[in-house]
């Protein structure tokens, strides 16, 4: 499962230029990661470079062979590409390919981090509340924060089949603040209870 010594040391030399190299068990082989960026996979004594975003398009355009992994007898095409033999003969090309994989992995990670946060992933929220809010046109945490707990509550009250409770109002307010409803300041909680009583 380990690459030939010469190739392994060449890979480590190139990868270490970008940061601390770590190995993680994966698919019966191991992945090579630099910080949080997964750049390749060693499987059955072969190195596969990982294709993300623009690097994936490039690897496919130059004809790199894609890894096909069999799971319960079903072949699955993975986002890993085997390096052709001639790439190993030119360290500058190999270095360019590794850098491309690394930069793409970093960019993909950044895109994932900045992706819209789902409502169900906020404190006090669940799939049922996410669906209920979706029915009134609120699909993301950002929209929930913009509209505010009281306006969301009124929309739920107007369009929902069931009357929302004070607990749900407090839960919405706390979710917007990014905390559990139990730790919402008592003054805020009391103000919400008073408001709830005034609209019911």
C-alpha atoms as a PDB file:
ATOM      1  CA  UNK A   1       0.000   0.000   0.000  1.00  0.00           C
ATOM      2  CA  UNK A   2       3.053   2.279   0.112  1.00  0.00           C
ATOM      3  CA  UNK A   3       4.392   3.904  -3.027  1.00  0.00           C
ATOM      4  CA  UNK A   4       7.821   3.036  -4.343  1.00  0.00           C
ATOM      5  CA  UNK A   5      10.389   4.798  -2.152  1.00  0.00           C
ATOM      6  CA  UNK A   6      11.589   7.189  -4.870  1.00  0.00           C
ATOM      7  CA  UNK A   7       8.062   8.345  -5.757  1.00  0.00           C
ATOM      8  CA  UNK A   8       7.001   8.528  -2.135  1.00  0.00           C
ATOM      9  CA  UNK A   9       9.907  10.801  -1.175  1.00  0.00           C
ATOM     10  CA  UNK A  10       9.332  12.974  -4.276  1.00  0.00           C
ATOM     11  CA  UNK A  11       5.652  13.367  -3.341  1.00  0.00           C
ATOM     12  CA  UNK A  12       6.467  14.219   0.273  1.00  0.00           C
ATOM     13  CA  UNK A  13       9.068  16.740  -0.854  1.00  0.00           C
ATOM     14  CA  UNK A  14       6.560  18.531  -3.122  1.00  0.00           C
ATOM     15  CA  UNK A  15       3.629  18.337  -0.685  1.00  0.00           C
ATOM     16  CA  UNK A  16       5.669  19.672   2.249  1.00  0.00           C
ATOM     17  CA  UNK A  17       6.187  22.962   0.347  1.00  0.00           C
ATOM     18  CA  UNK A  18       2.540  23.816   1.036  1.00  0.00           C
ATOM     19  CA  UNK A  19       2.321  22.966   4.726  1.00  0.00           C
ATOM     20  CA  UNK A  20       2.253  20.120   7.232  1.00  0.00           C
ATOM     21  CA  UNK A  21       1.588  16.772   5.534  1.00  0.00           C
ATOM     22  CA  UNK A  22      -0.780  14.342   7.276  1.00  0.00           C
ATOM     23  CA  UNK A  23      -1.962  10.846   6.347  1.00  0.00           C
ATOM     24  CA  UNK A  24      -5.485   9.584   7.032  1.00  0.00           C
ATOM     25  CA  UNK A  25      -6.846   6.082   6.436  1.00  0.00           C
ATOM     26  CA  UNK A  26      -9.345   6.088   3.568  1.00  0.00           C
ATOM     27  CA  UNK A  27     -10.850   3.465   1.187  1.00  0.00           C
ATOM     28  CA  UNK A  28      -8.382   0.793   2.293  1.00  0.00           C
ATOM     29  CA  UNK A  29      -5.505   3.148   1.497  1.00  0.00           C
ATOM     30  CA  UNK A  30      -4.612   6.532   2.907  1.00  0.00           C
ATOM     31  CA  UNK A  31      -5.216  10.161   2.005  1.00  0.00           C
ATOM     32  CA  UNK A  32      -2.578  12.840   1.898  1.00  0.00           C
ATOM     33  CA  UNK A  33      -3.719  16.110   3.472  1.00  0.00           C
ATOM     34  CA  UNK A  34      -2.057  19.468   3.863  1.00  0.00           C
ATOM     35  CA  UNK A  35      -3.749  21.273   6.736  1.00  0.00           C
ATOM     36  CA  UNK A  36      -7.462  20.737   5.923  1.00  0.00           C
ATOM     37  CA  UNK A  37      -6.899  20.258   2.178  1.00  0.00           C
ATOM     38  CA  UNK A  38      -7.165  16.685   0.916  1.00  0.00           C
ATOM     39  CA  UNK A  39      -4.889  16.508  -2.157  1.00  0.00           C
ATOM     40  CA  UNK A  40      -4.473  12.837  -2.953  1.00  0.00           C
ATOM     41  CA  UNK A  41      -4.974   9.172  -2.180  1.00  0.00           C
ATOM     42  CA  UNK A  42      -2.544   6.270  -2.098  1.00  0.00           C
ATOM     43  CA  UNK A  43      -4.322   3.010  -2.907  1.00  0.00           C
ATOM     44  CA  UNK A  44      -2.853  -0.324  -4.060  1.00  0.00           C
ATOM     45  CA  UNK A  45       0.602   1.242  -4.491  1.00  0.00           C
ATOM     46  CA  UNK A  46      -0.787   3.960  -6.801  1.00  0.00           C
ATOM     47  CA  UNK A  47      -1.069   7.693  -6.167  1.00  0.00           C
ATOM     48  CA  UNK A  48      -4.310   9.393  -7.194  1.00  0.00           C
ATOM     49  CA  UNK A  49      -4.557  13.169  -7.175  1.00  0.00           C
ATOM     50  CA  UNK A  50      -7.872  14.612  -5.970  1.00  0.00           C
ATOM     51  CA  UNK A  51      -9.926  16.659  -8.401  1.00  0.00           C
ATOM     52  CA  UNK A  52     -11.905  19.630  -7.058  1.00  0.00           C
ATOM     53  CA  UNK A  53     -13.453  22.528  -8.929  1.00  0.00           C
ATOM     54  CA  UNK A  54     -11.156  23.679 -11.763  1.00  0.00           C
ATOM     55  CA  UNK A  55      -8.504  20.969 -11.170  1.00  0.00           C
ATOM     56  CA  UNK A  56     -11.110  18.287 -11.871  1.00  0.00           C
ATOM     57  CA  UNK A  57     -11.882  19.814 -15.283  1.00  0.00           C
ATOM     58  CA  UNK A  58      -8.180  20.036 -16.049  1.00  0.00           C
ATOM     59  CA  UNK A  59      -7.432  16.419 -15.061  1.00  0.00           C
ATOM     60  CA  UNK A  60     -10.288  15.182 -17.231  1.00  0.00           C
ATOM     61  CA  UNK A  61      -9.281  17.373 -20.193  1.00  0.00           C
ATOM     62  CA  UNK A  62      -5.725  15.961 -20.224  1.00  0.00           C
ATOM     63  CA  UNK A  63      -7.053  12.399 -19.974  1.00  0.00           C
ATOM     64  CA  UNK A  64      -6.085  11.375 -16.438  1.00  0.00           C
ATOM     65  CA  UNK A  65      -7.677   8.036 -15.550  1.00  0.00           C
ATOM     66  CA  UNK A  66     -10.390   8.337 -12.911  1.00  0.00           C
ATOM     67  CA  UNK A  67     -10.439   5.987  -9.910  1.00  0.00           C
ATOM     68  CA  UNK A  68     -13.348   3.549  -9.968  1.00  0.00           C
ATOM     69  CA  UNK A  69     -14.077   2.106  -6.528  1.00  0.00           C
ATOM     70  CA  UNK A  70     -16.329  -0.909  -6.116  1.00  0.00           C
ATOM     71  CA  UNK A  71     -18.793  -0.715  -3.215  1.00  0.00           C
ATOM     72  CA  UNK A  72     -20.949  -3.825  -2.704  1.00  0.00           C
ATOM     73  CA  UNK A  73     -20.287  -4.756  -6.306  1.00  0.00           C
ATOM     74  CA  UNK A  74     -21.388  -1.360  -7.628  1.00  0.00           C
ATOM     75  CA  UNK A  75     -18.653   0.623  -9.438  1.00  0.00           C
ATOM     76  CA  UNK A  76     -18.412   4.220  -8.225  1.00  0.00           C
ATOM     77  CA  UNK A  77     -16.376   6.875 -10.028  1.00  0.00           C
ATOM     78  CA  UNK A  78     -14.409   8.821  -7.444  1.00  0.00           C
ATOM     79  CA  UNK A  79     -12.921  12.313  -7.639  1.00  0.00           C
ATOM     80  CA  UNK A  80      -9.401  10.916  -7.748  1.00  0.00           C
ATOM     81  CA  UNK A  81      -7.204  10.660 -10.839  1.00  0.00           C
ATOM     82  CA  UNK A  82      -4.212   8.383 -11.433  1.00  0.00           C
ATOM     83  CA  UNK A  83      -1.075  10.143 -12.559  1.00  0.00           C
ATOM     84  CA  UNK A  84       0.313   8.862 -15.879  1.00  0.00           C
ATOM     85  CA  UNK A  85       3.838   7.417 -15.837  1.00  0.00           C
ATOM     86  CA  UNK A  86       5.353  10.335 -17.787  1.00  0.00           C
ATOM     87  CA  UNK A  87       4.313  12.798 -15.046  1.00  0.00           C
ATOM     88  CA  UNK A  88       6.614  11.027 -12.591  1.00  0.00           C
ATOM     89  CA  UNK A  89       9.570  11.688 -14.928  1.00  0.00           C
ATOM     90  CA  UNK A  90       9.225  15.479 -14.705  1.00  0.00           C
ATOM     91  CA  UNK A  91       9.207  16.933 -11.196  1.00  0.00           C
ATOM     92  CA  UNK A  92       8.127  20.398 -12.439  1.00  0.00           C
ATOM     93  CA  UNK A  93       4.964  18.945 -14.055  1.00  0.00           C
ATOM     94  CA  UNK A  94       4.299  16.812 -10.974  1.00  0.00           C
ATOM     95  CA  UNK A  95       4.748  19.885  -8.773  1.00  0.00           C
ATOM     96  CA  UNK A  96       2.332  21.879 -10.963  1.00  0.00           C
ATOM     97  CA  UNK A  97      -0.327  19.118 -10.733  1.00  0.00           C
ATOM     98  CA  UNK A  98       0.039  18.827  -6.945  1.00  0.00           C
ATOM     99  CA  UNK A  99      -0.198  22.612  -6.562  1.00  0.00           C
ATOM    100  CA  UNK A 100      -3.315  22.681  -8.754  1.00  0.00           C
ATOM    101  CA  UNK A 101      -4.931  19.961  -6.602  1.00  0.00           C
ATOM    102  CA  UNK A 102      -3.942  21.768  -3.398  1.00  0.00           C
ATOM    103  CA  UNK A 103      -5.208  25.211  -4.496  1.00  0.00           C
ATOM    104  CA  UNK A 104      -8.505  23.690  -5.717  1.00  0.00           C
ATOM    105  CA  UNK A 105      -9.003  21.800  -2.443  1.00  0.00           C
ATOM    106  CA  UNK A 106      -8.393  24.999  -0.443  1.00  0.00           C
ATOM    107  CA  UNK A 107     -10.870  26.923  -2.614  1.00  0.00           C
ATOM    108  CA  UNK A 108     -13.484  24.157  -2.299  1.00  0.00           C
ATOM    109  CA  UNK A 109     -13.102  24.185   1.498  1.00  0.00           C
ATOM    110  CA  UNK A 110     -13.551  27.977   1.542  1.00  0.00           C
ATOM    111  CA  UNK A 111     -16.680  27.709  -0.612  1.00  0.00           C
ATOM    112  CA  UNK A 112     -18.146  25.107   1.751  1.00  0.00           C
ATOM    113  CA  UNK A 113     -17.445  27.322   4.769  1.00  0.00           C
ATOM    114  CA  UNK A 114     -19.133  30.326   3.180  1.00  0.00           C
ATOM    115  CA  UNK A 115     -22.153  28.342   1.928  1.00  0.00           C
ATOM    116  CA  UNK A 116     -25.551  29.392   3.259  1.00  0.00           C
ATOM    117  CA  UNK A 117     -26.240  27.950   6.723  1.00  0.00           C
ATOM    118  CA  UNK A 118     -29.379  25.834   6.852  1.00  0.00           C
ATOM    119  CA  UNK A 119     -32.033  26.703   9.424  1.00  0.00           C
ATOM    120  CA  UNK A 120     -32.086  23.151  10.841  1.00  0.00           C
ATOM    121  CA  UNK A 121     -28.394  23.560  11.769  1.00  0.00           C
ATOM    122  CA  UNK A 122     -29.089  26.532  14.057  1.00  0.00           C
ATOM    123  CA  UNK A 123     -29.588  26.077  17.832  1.00  0.00           C
ATOM    124  CA  UNK A 124     -33.202  25.148  18.786  1.00  0.00           C
ATOM    125  CA  UNK A 125     -34.131  24.450  15.146  1.00  0.00           C
ATOM    126  CA  UNK A 126     -34.981  21.123  13.479  1.00  0.00           C
ATOM    127  CA  UNK A 127     -36.239  19.793  10.141  1.00  0.00           C
ATOM    128  CA  UNK A 128     -39.886  20.441  11.052  1.00  0.00           C
ATOM    129  CA  UNK A 129     -39.194  24.124  11.777  1.00  0.00           C
ATOM    130  CA  UNK A 130     -37.056  24.410   8.629  1.00  0.00           C
ATOM    131  CA  UNK A 131     -39.967  23.022   6.561  1.00  0.00           C
ATOM    132  CA  UNK A 132     -42.492  25.315   8.267  1.00  0.00           C
ATOM    133  CA  UNK A 133     -40.308  28.365   7.606  1.00  0.00           C
ATOM    134  CA  UNK A 134     -39.726  27.209   4.020  1.00  0.00           C
ATOM    135  CA  UNK A 135     -43.479  27.276   3.442  1.00  0.00           C
ATOM    136  CA  UNK A 136     -43.522  30.977   4.304  1.00  0.00           C
ATOM    137  CA  UNK A 137     -40.505  31.761   2.100  1.00  0.00           C
ATOM    138  CA  UNK A 138     -37.681  31.653   4.656  1.00  0.00           C
ATOM    139  CA  UNK A 139     -35.068  29.140   3.504  1.00  0.00           C
ATOM    140  CA  UNK A 140     -31.726  30.143   5.052  1.00  0.00           C
ATOM    141  CA  UNK A 141     -30.389  31.316   8.411  1.00  0.00           C
ATOM    142  CA  UNK A 142     -29.415  34.644   6.829  1.00  0.00           C
ATOM    143  CA  UNK A 143     -33.033  35.275   5.771  1.00  0.00           C
ATOM    144  CA  UNK A 144     -34.276  34.346   9.239  1.00  0.00           C
ATOM    145  CA  UNK A 145     -31.903  36.894  10.796  1.00  0.00           C
ATOM    146  CA  UNK A 146     -32.942  39.617   8.324  1.00  0.00           C
ATOM    147  CA  UNK A 147     -36.656  39.110   8.922  1.00  0.00           C
ATOM    148  CA  UNK A 148     -36.387  38.684  12.688  1.00  0.00           C
ATOM    149  CA  UNK A 149     -38.086  36.367  15.180  1.00  0.00           C
ATOM    150  CA  UNK A 150     -41.287  38.397  15.608  1.00  0.00           C
ATOM    151  CA  UNK A 151     -42.000  38.787  11.874  1.00  0.00           C
ATOM    152  CA  UNK A 152     -41.280  35.066  11.329  1.00  0.00           C
ATOM    153  CA  UNK A 153     -43.598  34.210  14.195  1.00  0.00           C
ATOM    154  CA  UNK A 154     -46.412  36.358  12.718  1.00  0.00           C
ATOM    155  CA  UNK A 155     -45.969  34.772   9.280  1.00  0.00           C
ATOM    156  CA  UNK A 156     -46.077  31.283  10.841  1.00  0.00           C
ATOM    157  CA  UNK A 157     -49.193  32.276  12.770  1.00  0.00           C
ATOM    158  CA  UNK A 158     -50.857  33.624   9.625  1.00  0.00           C
ATOM    159  CA  UNK A 159     -50.000  30.735   7.283  1.00  0.00           C
ATOM    160  CA  UNK A 160     -49.387  27.722   9.513  1.00  0.00           C
ATOM    161  CA  UNK A 161     -51.902  25.011  10.355  1.00  0.00           C
ATOM    162  CA  UNK A 162     -50.962  25.137  14.038  1.00  0.00           C
ATOM    163  CA  UNK A 163     -50.588  28.235  16.180  1.00  0.00           C
ATOM    164  CA  UNK A 164     -46.912  28.765  17.047  1.00  0.00           C
ATOM    165  CA  UNK A 165     -46.096  28.761  20.753  1.00  0.00           C
ATOM    166  CA  UNK A 166     -44.151  31.199  22.909  1.00  0.00           C
ATOM    167  CA  UNK A 167     -41.475  28.514  23.152  1.00  0.00           C
ATOM    168  CA  UNK A 168     -41.100  28.617  19.352  1.00  0.00           C
ATOM    169  CA  UNK A 169     -40.883  32.418  19.394  1.00  0.00           C
ATOM    170  CA  UNK A 170     -38.103  32.280  21.996  1.00  0.00           C
ATOM    171  CA  UNK A 171     -36.424  29.474  20.022  1.00  0.00           C
ATOM    172  CA  UNK A 172     -36.445  31.608  16.851  1.00  0.00           C
ATOM    173  CA  UNK A 173     -34.973  34.604  18.684  1.00  0.00           C
ATOM    174  CA  UNK A 174     -32.261  32.468  20.277  1.00  0.00           C
ATOM    175  CA  UNK A 175     -31.463  30.758  16.939  1.00  0.00           C
ATOM    176  CA  UNK A 176     -30.883  34.192  15.385  1.00  0.00           C
ATOM    177  CA  UNK A 177     -28.520  35.016  18.271  1.00  0.00           C
ATOM    178  CA  UNK A 178     -26.760  31.661  17.762  1.00  0.00           C
ATOM    179  CA  UNK A 179     -27.504  30.344  21.239  1.00  0.00           C
ATOM    180  CA  UNK A 180     -29.764  27.821  22.934  1.00  0.00           C
ATOM    181  CA  UNK A 181     -33.077  29.245  24.152  1.00  0.00           C
ATOM    182  CA  UNK A 182     -32.106  28.441  27.767  1.00  0.00           C
ATOM    183  CA  UNK A 183     -29.227  30.942  27.658  1.00  0.00           C
ATOM    184  CA  UNK A 184     -31.163  33.781  26.027  1.00  0.00           C
ATOM    185  CA  UNK A 185     -30.955  36.798  28.410  1.00  0.00           C
ATOM    186  CA  UNK A 186     -33.919  36.887  30.807  1.00  0.00           C
ATOM    187  CA  UNK A 187     -34.767  40.488  29.829  1.00  0.00           C
ATOM    188  CA  UNK A 188     -35.027  39.480  26.139  1.00  0.00           C
ATOM    189  CA  UNK A 189     -37.048  36.408  27.072  1.00  0.00           C
ATOM    190  CA  UNK A 190     -39.507  38.464  29.155  1.00  0.00           C
ATOM    191  CA  UNK A 191     -39.875  41.056  26.385  1.00  0.00           C
ATOM    192  CA  UNK A 192     -40.735  38.241  23.927  1.00  0.00           C
ATOM    193  CA  UNK A 193     -43.277  36.740  26.345  1.00  0.00           C
ATOM    194  CA  UNK A 194     -44.941  40.160  26.771  1.00  0.00           C
ATOM    195  CA  UNK A 195     -45.027  40.658  22.997  1.00  0.00           C
ATOM    196  CA  UNK A 196     -46.444  37.132  22.494  1.00  0.00           C
ATOM    197  CA  UNK A 197     -49.259  37.884  24.975  1.00  0.00           C
ATOM    198  CA  UNK A 198     -50.046  41.157  23.183  1.00  0.00           C
ATOM    199  CA  UNK A 199     -50.494  39.511  19.755  1.00  0.00           C
ATOM    200  CA  UNK A 200     -52.512  36.504  20.965  1.00  0.00           C
END
